């Protein structure tokens, strides 16, 4: 086997994978559907959070969280949905990637539910006002949305959430032990005139005044 950076034992092909893990069950082989049925529609309507995966023309990948009140993703029909683009930091990594490469992956998450819904398809950036107006919040209509043409929908099992204990409060860390993200961001920015206090103040202002 060829190495890969610090790694010396690297799996090279699907034959090796199958030898290690075996073949998927009939249930797993047949669980993918190619449209948004009533079950997927119900899950999306109850999900306040998703992760959007994109890649640029060179295949460099990115994963971005998206969240709002349950039902924030608008389902148009059994093949199309729209994710509102709320105000962010103006890097627009996902949008730039979609312009270069339309293929996207979505993972929808409902708090306390350990199974997730995965949807794969192709995306575009839309400015259709009649659609965007349906996703208005606090009197603010999103400037654009991410329109997705659905190609695959399937349920992902609960094992990751069970192993992580994500929905079990007794396994959550104590507040004082979690990273100070203002401190992390200030260190990454590494500018002499940007302090942890500056970053903390800016974050709180953004979270308070610029959610929509």
Protein backbone atom coordinates (compact mmCIF):
# COMPACT_ATOMS: atom_id res chain seq x y z
CA UNK A 1 0.00 0.00 0.00
CA UNK A 2 1.14 3.51 -0.73
CA UNK A 3 1.50 6.04 2.06
CA UNK A 4 -0.35 9.32 2.38
CA UNK A 5 1.54 11.96 4.36
CA UNK A 6 1.99 10.59 7.89
CA UNK A 7 -0.18 7.56 7.07
CA UNK A 8 1.48 4.36 5.89
CA UNK A 9 -1.33 1.82 5.59
CA UNK A 10 -3.84 3.34 3.19
CA UNK A 11 -6.80 1.57 1.58
CA UNK A 12 -6.56 1.98 -2.19
CA UNK A 13 -9.74 0.56 -3.73
CA UNK A 14 -13.28 -0.68 -3.15
CA UNK A 15 -12.23 -4.33 -3.17
CA UNK A 16 -10.16 -3.72 -0.04
CA UNK A 17 -13.08 -1.90 1.57
CA UNK A 18 -15.46 -4.77 0.86
CA UNK A 19 -12.98 -7.27 2.28
CA UNK A 20 -12.81 -5.24 5.50
CA UNK A 21 -16.51 -4.44 5.97
CA UNK A 22 -18.53 -6.81 3.78
CA UNK A 23 -21.56 -5.95 1.64
CA UNK A 24 -24.47 -3.73 2.79
CA UNK A 25 -27.75 -5.38 3.76
CA UNK A 26 -30.75 -5.49 1.41
CA UNK A 27 -32.40 -2.77 3.52
CA UNK A 28 -29.42 -0.44 3.11
CA UNK A 29 -29.11 -1.22 -0.59
CA UNK A 30 -32.74 -0.28 -1.18
CA UNK A 31 -33.31 2.65 1.20
CA UNK A 32 -32.52 5.46 -1.27
CA UNK A 33 -35.41 7.21 -3.00
CA UNK A 34 -35.15 9.89 -5.64
CA UNK A 35 -37.81 12.37 -4.64
CA UNK A 36 -39.14 14.17 -1.56
CA UNK A 37 -41.97 11.93 -0.37
CA UNK A 38 -44.39 12.71 2.45
CA UNK A 39 -41.97 11.30 5.06
CA UNK A 40 -39.05 13.44 3.86
CA UNK A 41 -41.32 16.46 3.65
CA UNK A 42 -42.43 15.93 7.25
CA UNK A 43 -38.84 15.57 8.45
CA UNK A 44 -37.75 18.75 6.65
CA UNK A 45 -40.73 20.64 8.11
CA UNK A 46 -39.61 19.71 11.65
CA UNK A 47 -35.85 20.26 11.17
CA UNK A 48 -34.36 23.54 12.50
CA UNK A 49 -30.84 22.64 11.38
CA UNK A 50 -28.91 21.19 8.46
CA UNK A 51 -25.35 20.85 7.24
CA UNK A 52 -24.68 21.85 3.63
CA UNK A 53 -21.73 20.23 1.86
CA UNK A 54 -20.28 21.79 -1.28
CA UNK A 55 -17.10 21.58 -3.34
CA UNK A 56 -15.38 23.92 -5.77
CA UNK A 57 -14.34 23.15 -9.34
CA UNK A 58 -11.14 21.47 -8.11
CA UNK A 59 -13.05 19.25 -5.67
CA UNK A 60 -11.96 21.10 -2.52
CA UNK A 61 -14.78 20.52 -0.04
CA UNK A 62 -16.62 22.64 2.50
CA UNK A 63 -19.35 21.95 5.04
CA UNK A 64 -21.52 24.77 6.38
CA UNK A 65 -24.24 24.79 9.07
CA UNK A 66 -27.63 26.30 8.31
CA UNK A 67 -30.31 26.85 10.94
CA UNK A 68 -33.54 28.65 11.68
CA UNK A 69 -37.02 27.90 13.00
CA UNK A 70 -38.35 24.44 12.05
CA UNK A 71 -39.63 24.52 8.48
CA UNK A 72 -37.17 27.21 7.36
CA UNK A 73 -36.32 25.10 4.31
CA UNK A 74 -39.07 25.58 1.74
CA UNK A 75 -40.17 22.50 -0.23
CA UNK A 76 -41.60 23.45 -3.61
CA UNK A 77 -42.48 19.98 -4.89
CA UNK A 78 -41.19 16.42 -4.78
CA UNK A 79 -37.94 17.34 -6.54
CA UNK A 80 -37.12 20.88 -5.42
CA UNK A 81 -36.39 22.70 -2.15
CA UNK A 82 -34.95 26.09 -1.21
CA UNK A 83 -32.63 27.04 1.66
CA UNK A 84 -32.79 30.75 2.57
CA UNK A 85 -29.42 32.49 2.64
CA UNK A 86 -29.40 34.51 5.87
CA UNK A 87 -26.78 37.21 6.66
CA UNK A 88 -23.31 35.83 7.37
CA UNK A 89 -19.71 37.00 7.26
CA UNK A 90 -19.79 37.68 3.48
CA UNK A 91 -17.20 35.01 2.64
CA UNK A 92 -19.97 33.12 0.81
CA UNK A 93 -17.93 29.92 0.55
CA UNK A 94 -20.96 27.73 -0.18
CA UNK A 95 -22.37 30.13 -2.77
CA UNK A 96 -19.05 30.47 -4.57
CA UNK A 97 -18.67 26.69 -4.61
CA UNK A 98 -22.17 26.21 -6.04
CA UNK A 99 -21.35 28.62 -8.88
CA UNK A 100 -18.35 26.44 -9.75
CA UNK A 101 -19.79 23.01 -8.94
CA UNK A 102 -23.54 22.45 -8.44
CA UNK A 103 -23.31 19.13 -6.58
CA UNK A 104 -24.38 19.38 -2.93
CA UNK A 105 -25.09 17.14 0.03
CA UNK A 106 -27.48 17.97 2.89
CA UNK A 107 -27.91 16.43 6.34
CA UNK A 108 -31.10 17.48 8.14
CA UNK A 109 -31.17 17.19 11.94
CA UNK A 110 -34.06 17.28 14.42
CA UNK A 111 -33.07 17.78 18.10
CA UNK A 112 -33.44 14.59 20.20
CA UNK A 113 -34.03 12.47 17.06
CA UNK A 114 -30.96 10.37 16.42
CA UNK A 115 -31.66 9.41 12.81
CA UNK A 116 -30.87 12.08 10.23
CA UNK A 117 -32.19 12.71 6.72
CA UNK A 118 -29.64 12.97 3.93
CA UNK A 119 -30.39 14.57 0.58
CA UNK A 120 -28.03 14.84 -2.38
CA UNK A 121 -28.60 16.80 -5.55
CA UNK A 122 -27.61 19.79 -7.62
CA UNK A 123 -27.95 23.39 -6.51
CA UNK A 124 -28.22 26.90 -7.89
CA UNK A 125 -28.48 30.38 -6.40
CA UNK A 126 -31.96 31.82 -6.87
CA UNK A 127 -33.43 35.31 -6.61
CA UNK A 128 -37.08 34.40 -7.33
CA UNK A 129 -38.96 36.91 -5.17
CA UNK A 130 -42.20 34.92 -5.04
CA UNK A 131 -40.26 32.07 -3.43
CA UNK A 132 -37.98 34.15 -1.21
CA UNK A 133 -40.89 36.15 0.21
CA UNK A 134 -42.26 32.92 1.70
CA UNK A 135 -39.12 32.73 3.86
CA UNK A 136 -39.40 36.21 5.31
CA UNK A 137 -38.48 36.58 8.99
CA UNK A 138 -38.89 39.74 11.09
CA UNK A 139 -39.91 41.62 7.96
CA UNK A 140 -36.68 40.69 6.16
CA UNK A 141 -36.73 38.70 2.93
CA UNK A 142 -33.52 36.80 2.10
CA UNK A 143 -31.61 38.35 -0.79
CA UNK A 144 -31.04 34.96 -2.40
CA UNK A 145 -31.73 31.32 -1.70
CA UNK A 146 -30.07 28.02 -2.51
CA UNK A 147 -32.34 26.05 -4.80
CA UNK A 148 -31.74 22.30 -4.78
CA UNK A 149 -32.89 19.79 -7.35
CA UNK A 150 -33.12 16.54 -5.41
CA UNK A 151 -31.50 13.37 -6.71
CA UNK A 152 -31.27 11.15 -3.62
CA UNK A 153 -33.01 11.00 -0.23
CA UNK A 154 -32.31 8.49 2.51
CA UNK A 155 -32.30 8.02 6.27
CA UNK A 156 -28.96 7.79 8.07
CA UNK A 157 -28.94 5.52 11.10
CA UNK A 158 -28.63 6.71 14.72
CA UNK A 159 -25.24 5.20 15.59
CA UNK A 160 -23.22 8.44 15.36
CA UNK A 161 -25.59 10.26 17.72
CA UNK A 162 -25.77 7.28 20.06
CA UNK A 163 -21.99 7.02 20.28
CA UNK A 164 -21.55 10.77 20.77
CA UNK A 165 -24.35 11.17 23.32
CA UNK A 166 -25.14 14.47 21.64
CA UNK A 167 -28.73 14.61 22.85
CA UNK A 168 -27.92 13.39 26.37
CA UNK A 169 -27.49 16.40 28.70
CA UNK A 170 -25.65 14.32 31.27
CA UNK A 171 -22.86 13.87 28.71
CA UNK A 172 -22.56 17.56 27.84
CA UNK A 173 -19.35 19.32 28.94
CA UNK A 174 -19.31 21.83 31.75
CA UNK A 175 -19.61 25.36 30.36
CA UNK A 176 -16.28 26.47 31.79
CA UNK A 177 -14.46 23.63 29.98
CA UNK A 178 -15.52 24.42 26.41
CA UNK A 179 -13.26 26.50 24.13
CA UNK A 180 -13.51 30.29 24.29
CA UNK A 181 -14.29 30.90 20.63
CA UNK A 182 -13.58 34.63 20.75
CA UNK A 183 -10.09 33.76 21.99
CA UNK A 184 -9.70 31.14 19.24
CA UNK A 185 -10.84 33.54 16.53
CA UNK A 186 -8.57 36.34 17.77
CA UNK A 187 -5.62 33.94 17.69
CA UNK A 188 -6.45 32.82 14.15
CA UNK A 189 -6.91 36.40 12.91
CA UNK A 190 -3.58 37.30 14.51
CA UNK A 191 -3.75 41.06 13.97
CA UNK A 192 -2.02 43.35 16.49
CA UNK A 193 -5.02 45.67 16.88
CA UNK A 194 -7.62 42.91 17.29
CA UNK A 195 -8.12 41.74 20.87
CA UNK A 196 -10.21 38.97 22.35
CA UNK A 197 -12.53 41.63 23.79
CA UNK A 198 -12.93 43.19 20.32
CA UNK A 199 -13.84 39.84 18.81
CA UNK A 200 -16.24 38.99 21.63
CA UNK A 201 -18.00 42.36 21.30
CA UNK A 202 -18.24 41.99 17.53
CA UNK A 203 -19.66 38.49 17.76
CA UNK A 204 -22.29 39.49 20.29
CA UNK A 205 -23.32 42.48 18.17
CA UNK A 206 -23.65 40.26 15.13
CA UNK A 207 -25.64 37.63 17.02
CA UNK A 208 -27.93 40.27 18.55
CA UNK A 209 -28.48 42.63 15.62
CA UNK A 210 -27.72 40.77 12.38
CA UNK A 211 -29.36 37.35 12.51
CA UNK A 212 -31.69 38.28 9.63
